[in-house]
Protein backbone atom coordinates (compact mmCIF):
# COMPACT_ATOMS: atom_id res chain seq x y z
CA MET A 1 -1.14 64.07 164.73
CA ALA A 2 -0.39 60.60 163.43
CA GLN A 3 1.77 59.76 160.44
CA LEU A 4 -0.12 57.84 157.76
CA LEU A 5 0.99 54.30 156.99
CA ASP A 6 0.52 54.66 153.24
CA GLY A 7 -0.12 51.19 151.88
CA LYS A 8 -0.91 52.51 148.42
CA LYS A 9 2.51 54.17 148.16
CA LEU A 10 4.37 51.07 149.40
CA ALA A 11 2.34 48.81 147.10
CA THR A 12 3.30 50.97 144.12
CA THR A 13 6.99 50.78 145.07
CA MET A 14 6.92 47.00 145.60
CA GLN A 15 4.96 46.34 142.41
CA ALA A 16 7.47 48.35 140.36
CA LYS A 17 10.29 46.10 141.65
CA MET A 18 8.21 42.98 141.07
CA LYS A 19 7.50 44.08 137.49
CA VAL A 20 11.26 44.20 136.85
CA GLU A 21 11.62 40.71 138.36
CA VAL A 22 8.84 39.33 136.16
CA GLN A 23 10.48 40.91 133.09
CA LYS A 24 13.77 39.16 133.93
CA ILE A 25 11.93 35.85 134.34
CA LYS A 26 10.37 36.32 130.89
CA GLU A 27 13.74 37.13 129.33
CA ASN A 28 15.52 34.21 130.99
CA ASP A 29 12.82 31.52 130.90
CA GLY A 30 10.56 32.60 128.04
CA THR A 31 7.56 32.32 130.34
CA ALA A 32 5.90 34.22 133.19
CA PRO A 33 4.50 33.46 136.63
CA GLY A 34 0.85 32.47 136.24
CA LEU A 35 -2.11 33.15 138.54
CA VAL A 36 -5.64 31.84 138.15
CA VAL A 37 -8.51 33.29 140.17
CA ILE A 38 -11.70 31.22 140.36
CA LEU A 39 -14.77 33.39 140.91
CA VAL A 40 -18.03 31.62 141.71
CA GLY A 41 -21.31 33.54 141.49
CA GLU A 42 -22.10 37.25 141.36
CA ASP A 43 -21.02 38.63 144.75
CA ALA A 44 -20.52 42.36 144.07
CA ALA A 45 -17.58 42.88 146.47
CA SER A 46 -15.82 39.76 145.17
CA LYS A 47 -16.13 40.98 141.59
CA ILE A 48 -14.45 44.28 142.55
CA TYR A 49 -11.63 42.50 144.41
CA VAL A 50 -11.04 40.13 141.49
CA ARG A 51 -10.99 42.98 138.96
CA ASN A 52 -8.40 44.83 141.07
CA LYS A 53 -6.25 41.69 141.29
CA GLU A 54 -6.50 41.12 137.54
CA THR A 55 -5.53 44.73 136.78
CA ALA A 56 -2.51 44.66 139.13
CA ALA A 57 -1.31 41.31 137.73
CA GLY A 58 -1.60 42.60 134.17
CA LYS A 59 0.43 45.74 134.93
CA MET A 60 3.16 43.57 136.40
CA GLY A 61 3.34 41.17 133.46
CA ILE A 62 2.03 38.17 135.42
CA TYR A 63 0.03 35.73 133.29
CA SER A 64 -3.42 36.11 134.80
CA LYS A 65 -6.72 34.34 134.21
CA VAL A 66 -10.10 34.73 135.89
CA ASP A 67 -12.21 31.58 135.63
CA ARG A 68 -15.80 32.70 136.24
CA ARG A 69 -18.31 30.03 137.22
CA ALA A 70 -22.04 30.20 137.91
CA ALA A 71 -23.26 30.14 141.51
CA ASP A 72 -24.95 26.77 140.91
CA ILE A 73 -21.67 24.94 140.20
CA THR A 74 -21.57 21.78 142.30
CA GLU A 75 -18.91 21.22 144.94
CA LYS A 76 -17.68 18.18 143.00
CA GLU A 77 -17.30 20.25 139.81
CA LEU A 78 -15.41 23.00 141.64
CA LEU A 79 -13.03 20.50 143.27
CA ALA A 80 -12.38 18.91 139.85
CA LEU A 81 -11.70 22.34 138.37
CA ILE A 82 -9.15 23.11 141.10
CA GLU A 83 -7.40 19.81 140.40
CA THR A 84 -7.02 20.72 136.71
CA TYR A 85 -5.22 23.91 137.76
CA ASN A 86 -3.10 21.99 140.29
CA GLN A 87 -1.81 19.96 137.33
CA ASP A 88 -1.51 22.87 134.88
CA PRO A 89 2.13 24.06 134.68
CA ARG A 90 1.10 27.46 133.29
CA PHE A 91 -0.35 28.43 136.66
CA HIS A 92 1.87 28.75 139.73
CA GLY A 93 -0.76 30.33 141.96
CA ILE A 94 -4.41 29.38 142.48
CA LEU A 95 -6.89 31.58 144.33
CA VAL A 96 -10.53 30.73 144.94
CA GLN A 97 -12.33 33.97 145.78
CA LEU A 98 -14.30 33.76 149.03
CA PRO A 99 -17.10 33.73 150.08
CA LEU A 100 -18.51 30.76 148.18
CA PRO A 101 -22.19 29.85 147.79
CA ALA A 102 -23.70 28.14 150.85
CA HIS A 103 -23.87 24.67 149.26
CA ILE A 104 -20.06 24.53 148.86
CA ASP A 105 -17.79 23.64 151.79
CA GLU A 106 -15.07 26.32 151.84
CA GLU A 107 -12.78 24.13 153.93
CA LYS A 108 -12.87 21.33 151.33
CA VAL A 109 -12.12 23.84 148.58
CA ILE A 110 -9.12 25.29 150.42
CA MET A 111 -7.85 21.77 151.16
CA ALA A 112 -8.06 20.90 147.45
CA ILE A 113 -5.54 23.56 146.39
CA ASP A 114 -1.93 22.36 146.07
CA PRO A 115 -0.17 24.00 149.07
CA LYS A 116 2.67 25.12 146.78
CA LYS A 117 0.14 27.00 144.63
CA ASP A 118 -1.84 28.33 147.61
CA VAL A 119 -0.82 31.98 147.17
CA ASP A 120 -3.58 33.06 149.59
CA GLY A 121 -1.84 31.09 152.36
CA PHE A 122 -5.05 29.48 153.68
CA HIS A 123 -4.27 25.77 153.23
CA PRO A 124 -3.92 24.00 156.62
CA LEU A 125 -0.37 22.93 155.68
CA ASN A 126 0.61 26.57 155.15
CA ILE A 127 -1.18 27.71 158.31
CA GLY A 128 0.61 24.91 160.22
CA ARG A 129 3.99 25.98 158.86
CA LEU A 130 3.29 29.57 159.88
CA PHE A 131 2.34 28.52 163.40
CA ALA A 132 5.46 26.31 163.60
CA GLY A 133 7.65 29.29 162.69
CA ASP A 134 8.58 27.95 159.24
CA PRO A 135 6.26 29.87 156.88
CA LEU A 136 5.94 29.00 153.20
CA MET A 137 2.84 30.81 151.89
CA VAL A 138 1.38 33.35 154.32
CA PRO A 139 -2.13 34.91 154.42
CA CYS A 140 -1.74 38.07 152.36
CA THR A 141 -3.35 40.70 154.58
CA PRO A 142 -1.26 40.09 157.73
CA TYR A 143 1.83 39.57 155.55
CA GLY A 144 1.19 42.96 153.95
CA ILE A 145 0.79 44.59 157.36
CA MET A 146 4.20 43.28 158.45
CA LYS A 147 5.76 44.71 155.27
CA LEU A 148 4.06 48.04 155.97
CA LEU A 149 5.37 48.20 159.55
CA ALA A 150 8.88 47.35 158.34
CA ALA A 151 8.74 50.01 155.61
CA TYR A 152 8.11 52.68 158.25
CA ASP A 153 10.85 51.31 160.54
CA ILE A 154 8.33 50.35 163.21
CA SER A 155 10.05 47.82 165.43
CA VAL A 156 7.82 45.03 166.71
CA ALA A 157 10.26 43.34 169.10
CA GLY A 158 9.37 43.78 172.75
CA LYS A 159 6.17 45.71 171.99
CA ASN A 160 2.72 44.96 173.35
CA ALA A 161 0.53 44.07 170.36
CA VAL A 162 -3.24 43.64 170.57
CA VAL A 163 -5.17 42.06 167.70
CA ILE A 164 -8.94 42.57 167.67
CA GLY A 165 -10.34 39.67 165.66
CA ARG A 166 -9.62 35.94 165.53
CA SER A 167 -10.36 34.92 161.94
CA ASN A 168 -8.16 32.42 160.11
CA ILE A 169 -7.71 35.00 157.35
CA VAL A 170 -6.37 37.90 159.45
CA GLY A 171 -6.56 37.70 163.25
CA LYS A 172 -4.82 34.41 164.03
CA PRO A 173 -2.05 34.63 161.40
CA MET A 174 -1.50 38.30 162.31
CA ALA A 175 -0.88 37.31 165.91
CA HIS A 176 1.64 34.64 164.90
CA LEU A 177 3.56 36.96 162.56
CA LEU A 178 3.84 39.53 165.36
CA LEU A 179 4.91 36.79 167.76
CA GLN A 180 7.64 35.67 165.35
CA GLU A 181 9.01 39.22 165.47
CA ASN A 182 9.14 38.99 169.28
CA ALA A 183 6.08 41.06 170.14
CA THR A 184 4.00 40.18 173.20
CA VAL A 185 0.63 39.43 171.63
CA THR A 186 -2.94 39.47 172.96
CA ILE A 187 -5.76 38.21 170.73
CA THR A 188 -9.15 39.75 171.52
CA HIS A 189 -12.57 39.46 169.90
CA SER A 190 -16.24 40.34 170.23
CA LYS A 191 -16.64 38.28 173.43
CA THR A 192 -13.63 39.83 175.21
CA LYS A 193 -14.52 41.59 178.45
CA ASN A 194 -13.15 45.11 179.01
CA LEU A 195 -12.01 45.29 175.38
CA PRO A 196 -11.22 49.04 175.34
CA GLU A 197 -9.12 48.65 178.49
CA ILE A 198 -7.09 45.79 176.98
CA ALA A 199 -6.71 47.60 173.66
CA ARG A 200 -5.32 50.66 175.47
CA GLN A 201 -2.31 48.57 176.56
CA ALA A 202 -1.24 48.15 172.94
CA ASP A 203 1.83 49.72 171.42
CA ILE A 204 0.59 48.16 168.16
CA LEU A 205 -3.18 47.76 167.73
CA VAL A 206 -4.59 45.77 164.79
CA ALA A 207 -8.35 46.08 164.28
CA ALA A 208 -9.75 43.23 162.17
CA VAL A 209 -13.20 42.58 163.58
CA GLY A 210 -15.47 43.83 160.78
CA VAL A 211 -17.45 46.37 162.82
CA GLY A 212 -17.44 49.90 161.45
CA HIS A 213 -15.85 52.51 163.74
CA LEU A 214 -15.73 50.13 166.70
CA VAL A 215 -12.32 51.45 167.77
CA ASP A 216 -12.60 55.01 169.07
CA GLU A 217 -10.33 57.10 171.30
CA SER A 218 -11.20 54.96 174.35
CA TYR A 219 -9.36 51.99 172.73
CA VAL A 220 -6.08 53.73 171.94
CA LYS A 221 -3.23 54.95 174.11
CA LYS A 222 -1.22 57.98 173.14
CA GLY A 223 1.61 57.14 170.73
CA ALA A 224 0.20 53.79 169.57
CA VAL A 225 0.51 52.32 166.07
CA VAL A 226 -3.02 51.64 164.78
CA VAL A 227 -3.62 49.29 161.82
CA ASP A 228 -7.17 49.20 160.45
CA VAL A 229 -8.09 46.09 158.46
CA GLY A 230 -11.82 46.86 158.37
CA MET A 231 -13.74 47.30 155.12
CA ASN A 232 -17.28 48.28 156.07
CA ARG A 233 -20.04 50.45 154.58
CA ASP A 234 -21.80 53.14 156.61
CA ALA A 235 -25.43 54.26 156.24
CA ASN A 236 -24.45 56.37 153.23
CA ASN A 237 -22.63 53.43 151.60
CA LYS A 238 -19.28 55.11 152.25
CA LEU A 239 -16.31 52.79 152.84
CA ILE A 240 -15.15 52.97 156.46
CA GLY A 241 -12.76 50.99 158.63
CA ASP A 242 -13.07 49.36 162.03
CA VAL A 243 -11.31 52.44 163.44
CA ASP A 244 -12.94 55.84 163.85
CA PHE A 245 -10.11 57.63 162.06
CA ALA A 246 -11.11 61.17 163.08
CA ALA A 247 -11.25 60.23 166.77
CA VAL A 248 -8.07 58.12 166.87
CA GLU A 249 -5.70 59.95 164.49
CA PRO A 250 -4.89 62.78 166.95
CA ILE A 251 -3.82 60.23 169.60
CA ALA A 252 -1.84 57.70 167.56
CA ASP A 253 1.72 58.04 166.26
CA PHE A 254 0.98 55.98 163.12
CA ILE A 255 -2.33 54.98 161.54
CA THR A 256 -3.50 53.32 158.31
CA PRO A 257 -6.16 55.09 156.27
CA VAL A 258 -9.22 53.33 154.81
CA PRO A 259 -9.06 53.07 151.85
CA GLY A 260 -5.39 53.19 150.86
CA GLY A 261 -3.83 51.47 153.86
CA VAL A 262 -3.98 47.70 154.21
CA GLY A 263 -6.03 46.92 151.06
CA PRO A 264 -3.38 47.65 148.42
CA MET A 265 -0.85 45.60 150.39
CA THR A 266 -3.11 42.54 150.36
CA ILE A 267 -3.17 42.44 146.54
CA THR A 268 0.56 43.18 146.38
CA MET A 269 1.43 40.25 148.66
CA LEU A 270 -0.79 37.93 146.61
CA LEU A 271 1.26 38.76 143.51
CA TYR A 272 4.51 38.68 145.51
CA GLN A 273 3.68 35.10 146.53
CA THR A 274 2.74 34.19 142.95
CA ILE A 275 6.29 35.12 141.90
CA LYS A 276 7.64 33.21 144.91
CA ALA A 277 5.56 30.17 143.93
CA TYR A 278 6.94 30.34 140.38
CA ASN A 279 10.53 30.41 141.64
CA MET A 280 9.88 27.53 144.06
CA GLN A 281 8.21 25.35 141.43
CA LYS A 282 10.93 26.08 138.89
CA SER A 283 13.62 25.03 141.37
CA GLY A 284 11.64 21.92 142.37
CA VAL A 285 11.01 22.97 145.98
């Protein structure tokens, strides 16, 4: 029976330490790290994510603002709004909640954010630095996964790691973070032939493909570490992961639950990088 990789527990521990750090910043500087989240439209999932981020930031003492805009905002107006926050010294982190309405080019929006304030880690400059082995701001979900593995003393060096999924948000940066820790990494995806066979070679298996319960016992070798990034809804609207937990948990040594595994770490790393951005901007980096 697998040991749970409890992201909720680790997030609580990290956030308590970060709260102390923010309090010291307030005492020493008379100000606080600031984060603005721009939410465009009425996407239900986005509204939940943003509310969770706002709540966590508030508990930690981070100066937090949600700038809500109607779905019919023009691309030009949104880019101008981002530039005002780039110039605003009260905000050290800027996050534009994705997805955006179809008439807005997400790539242009990400490019418009000052890389030093890009606490989501999606700007091409930050992605390039990650790929070059000199990370500045790192995509929060894979960053959180690395913190979770480290917290449970799971060594990555020399291990076979398989990542299912190739998105810019999770799959690709996940592979590079594992590679930097000296894992041997295979990136797979929906077009990969013999996917279960390849996945079964993994000492560390990261499922980030967005297909509910895709990964069953045929994908997992005995003793593997299984990280489930999936956030899907089943026919009963129940939240499920990409991994069939009941089928895989008896085989694996470690496994993340859904919910309570990767999700809380994503928000934690966003706030962690907001504090990092504050310290960098204060020191003129």
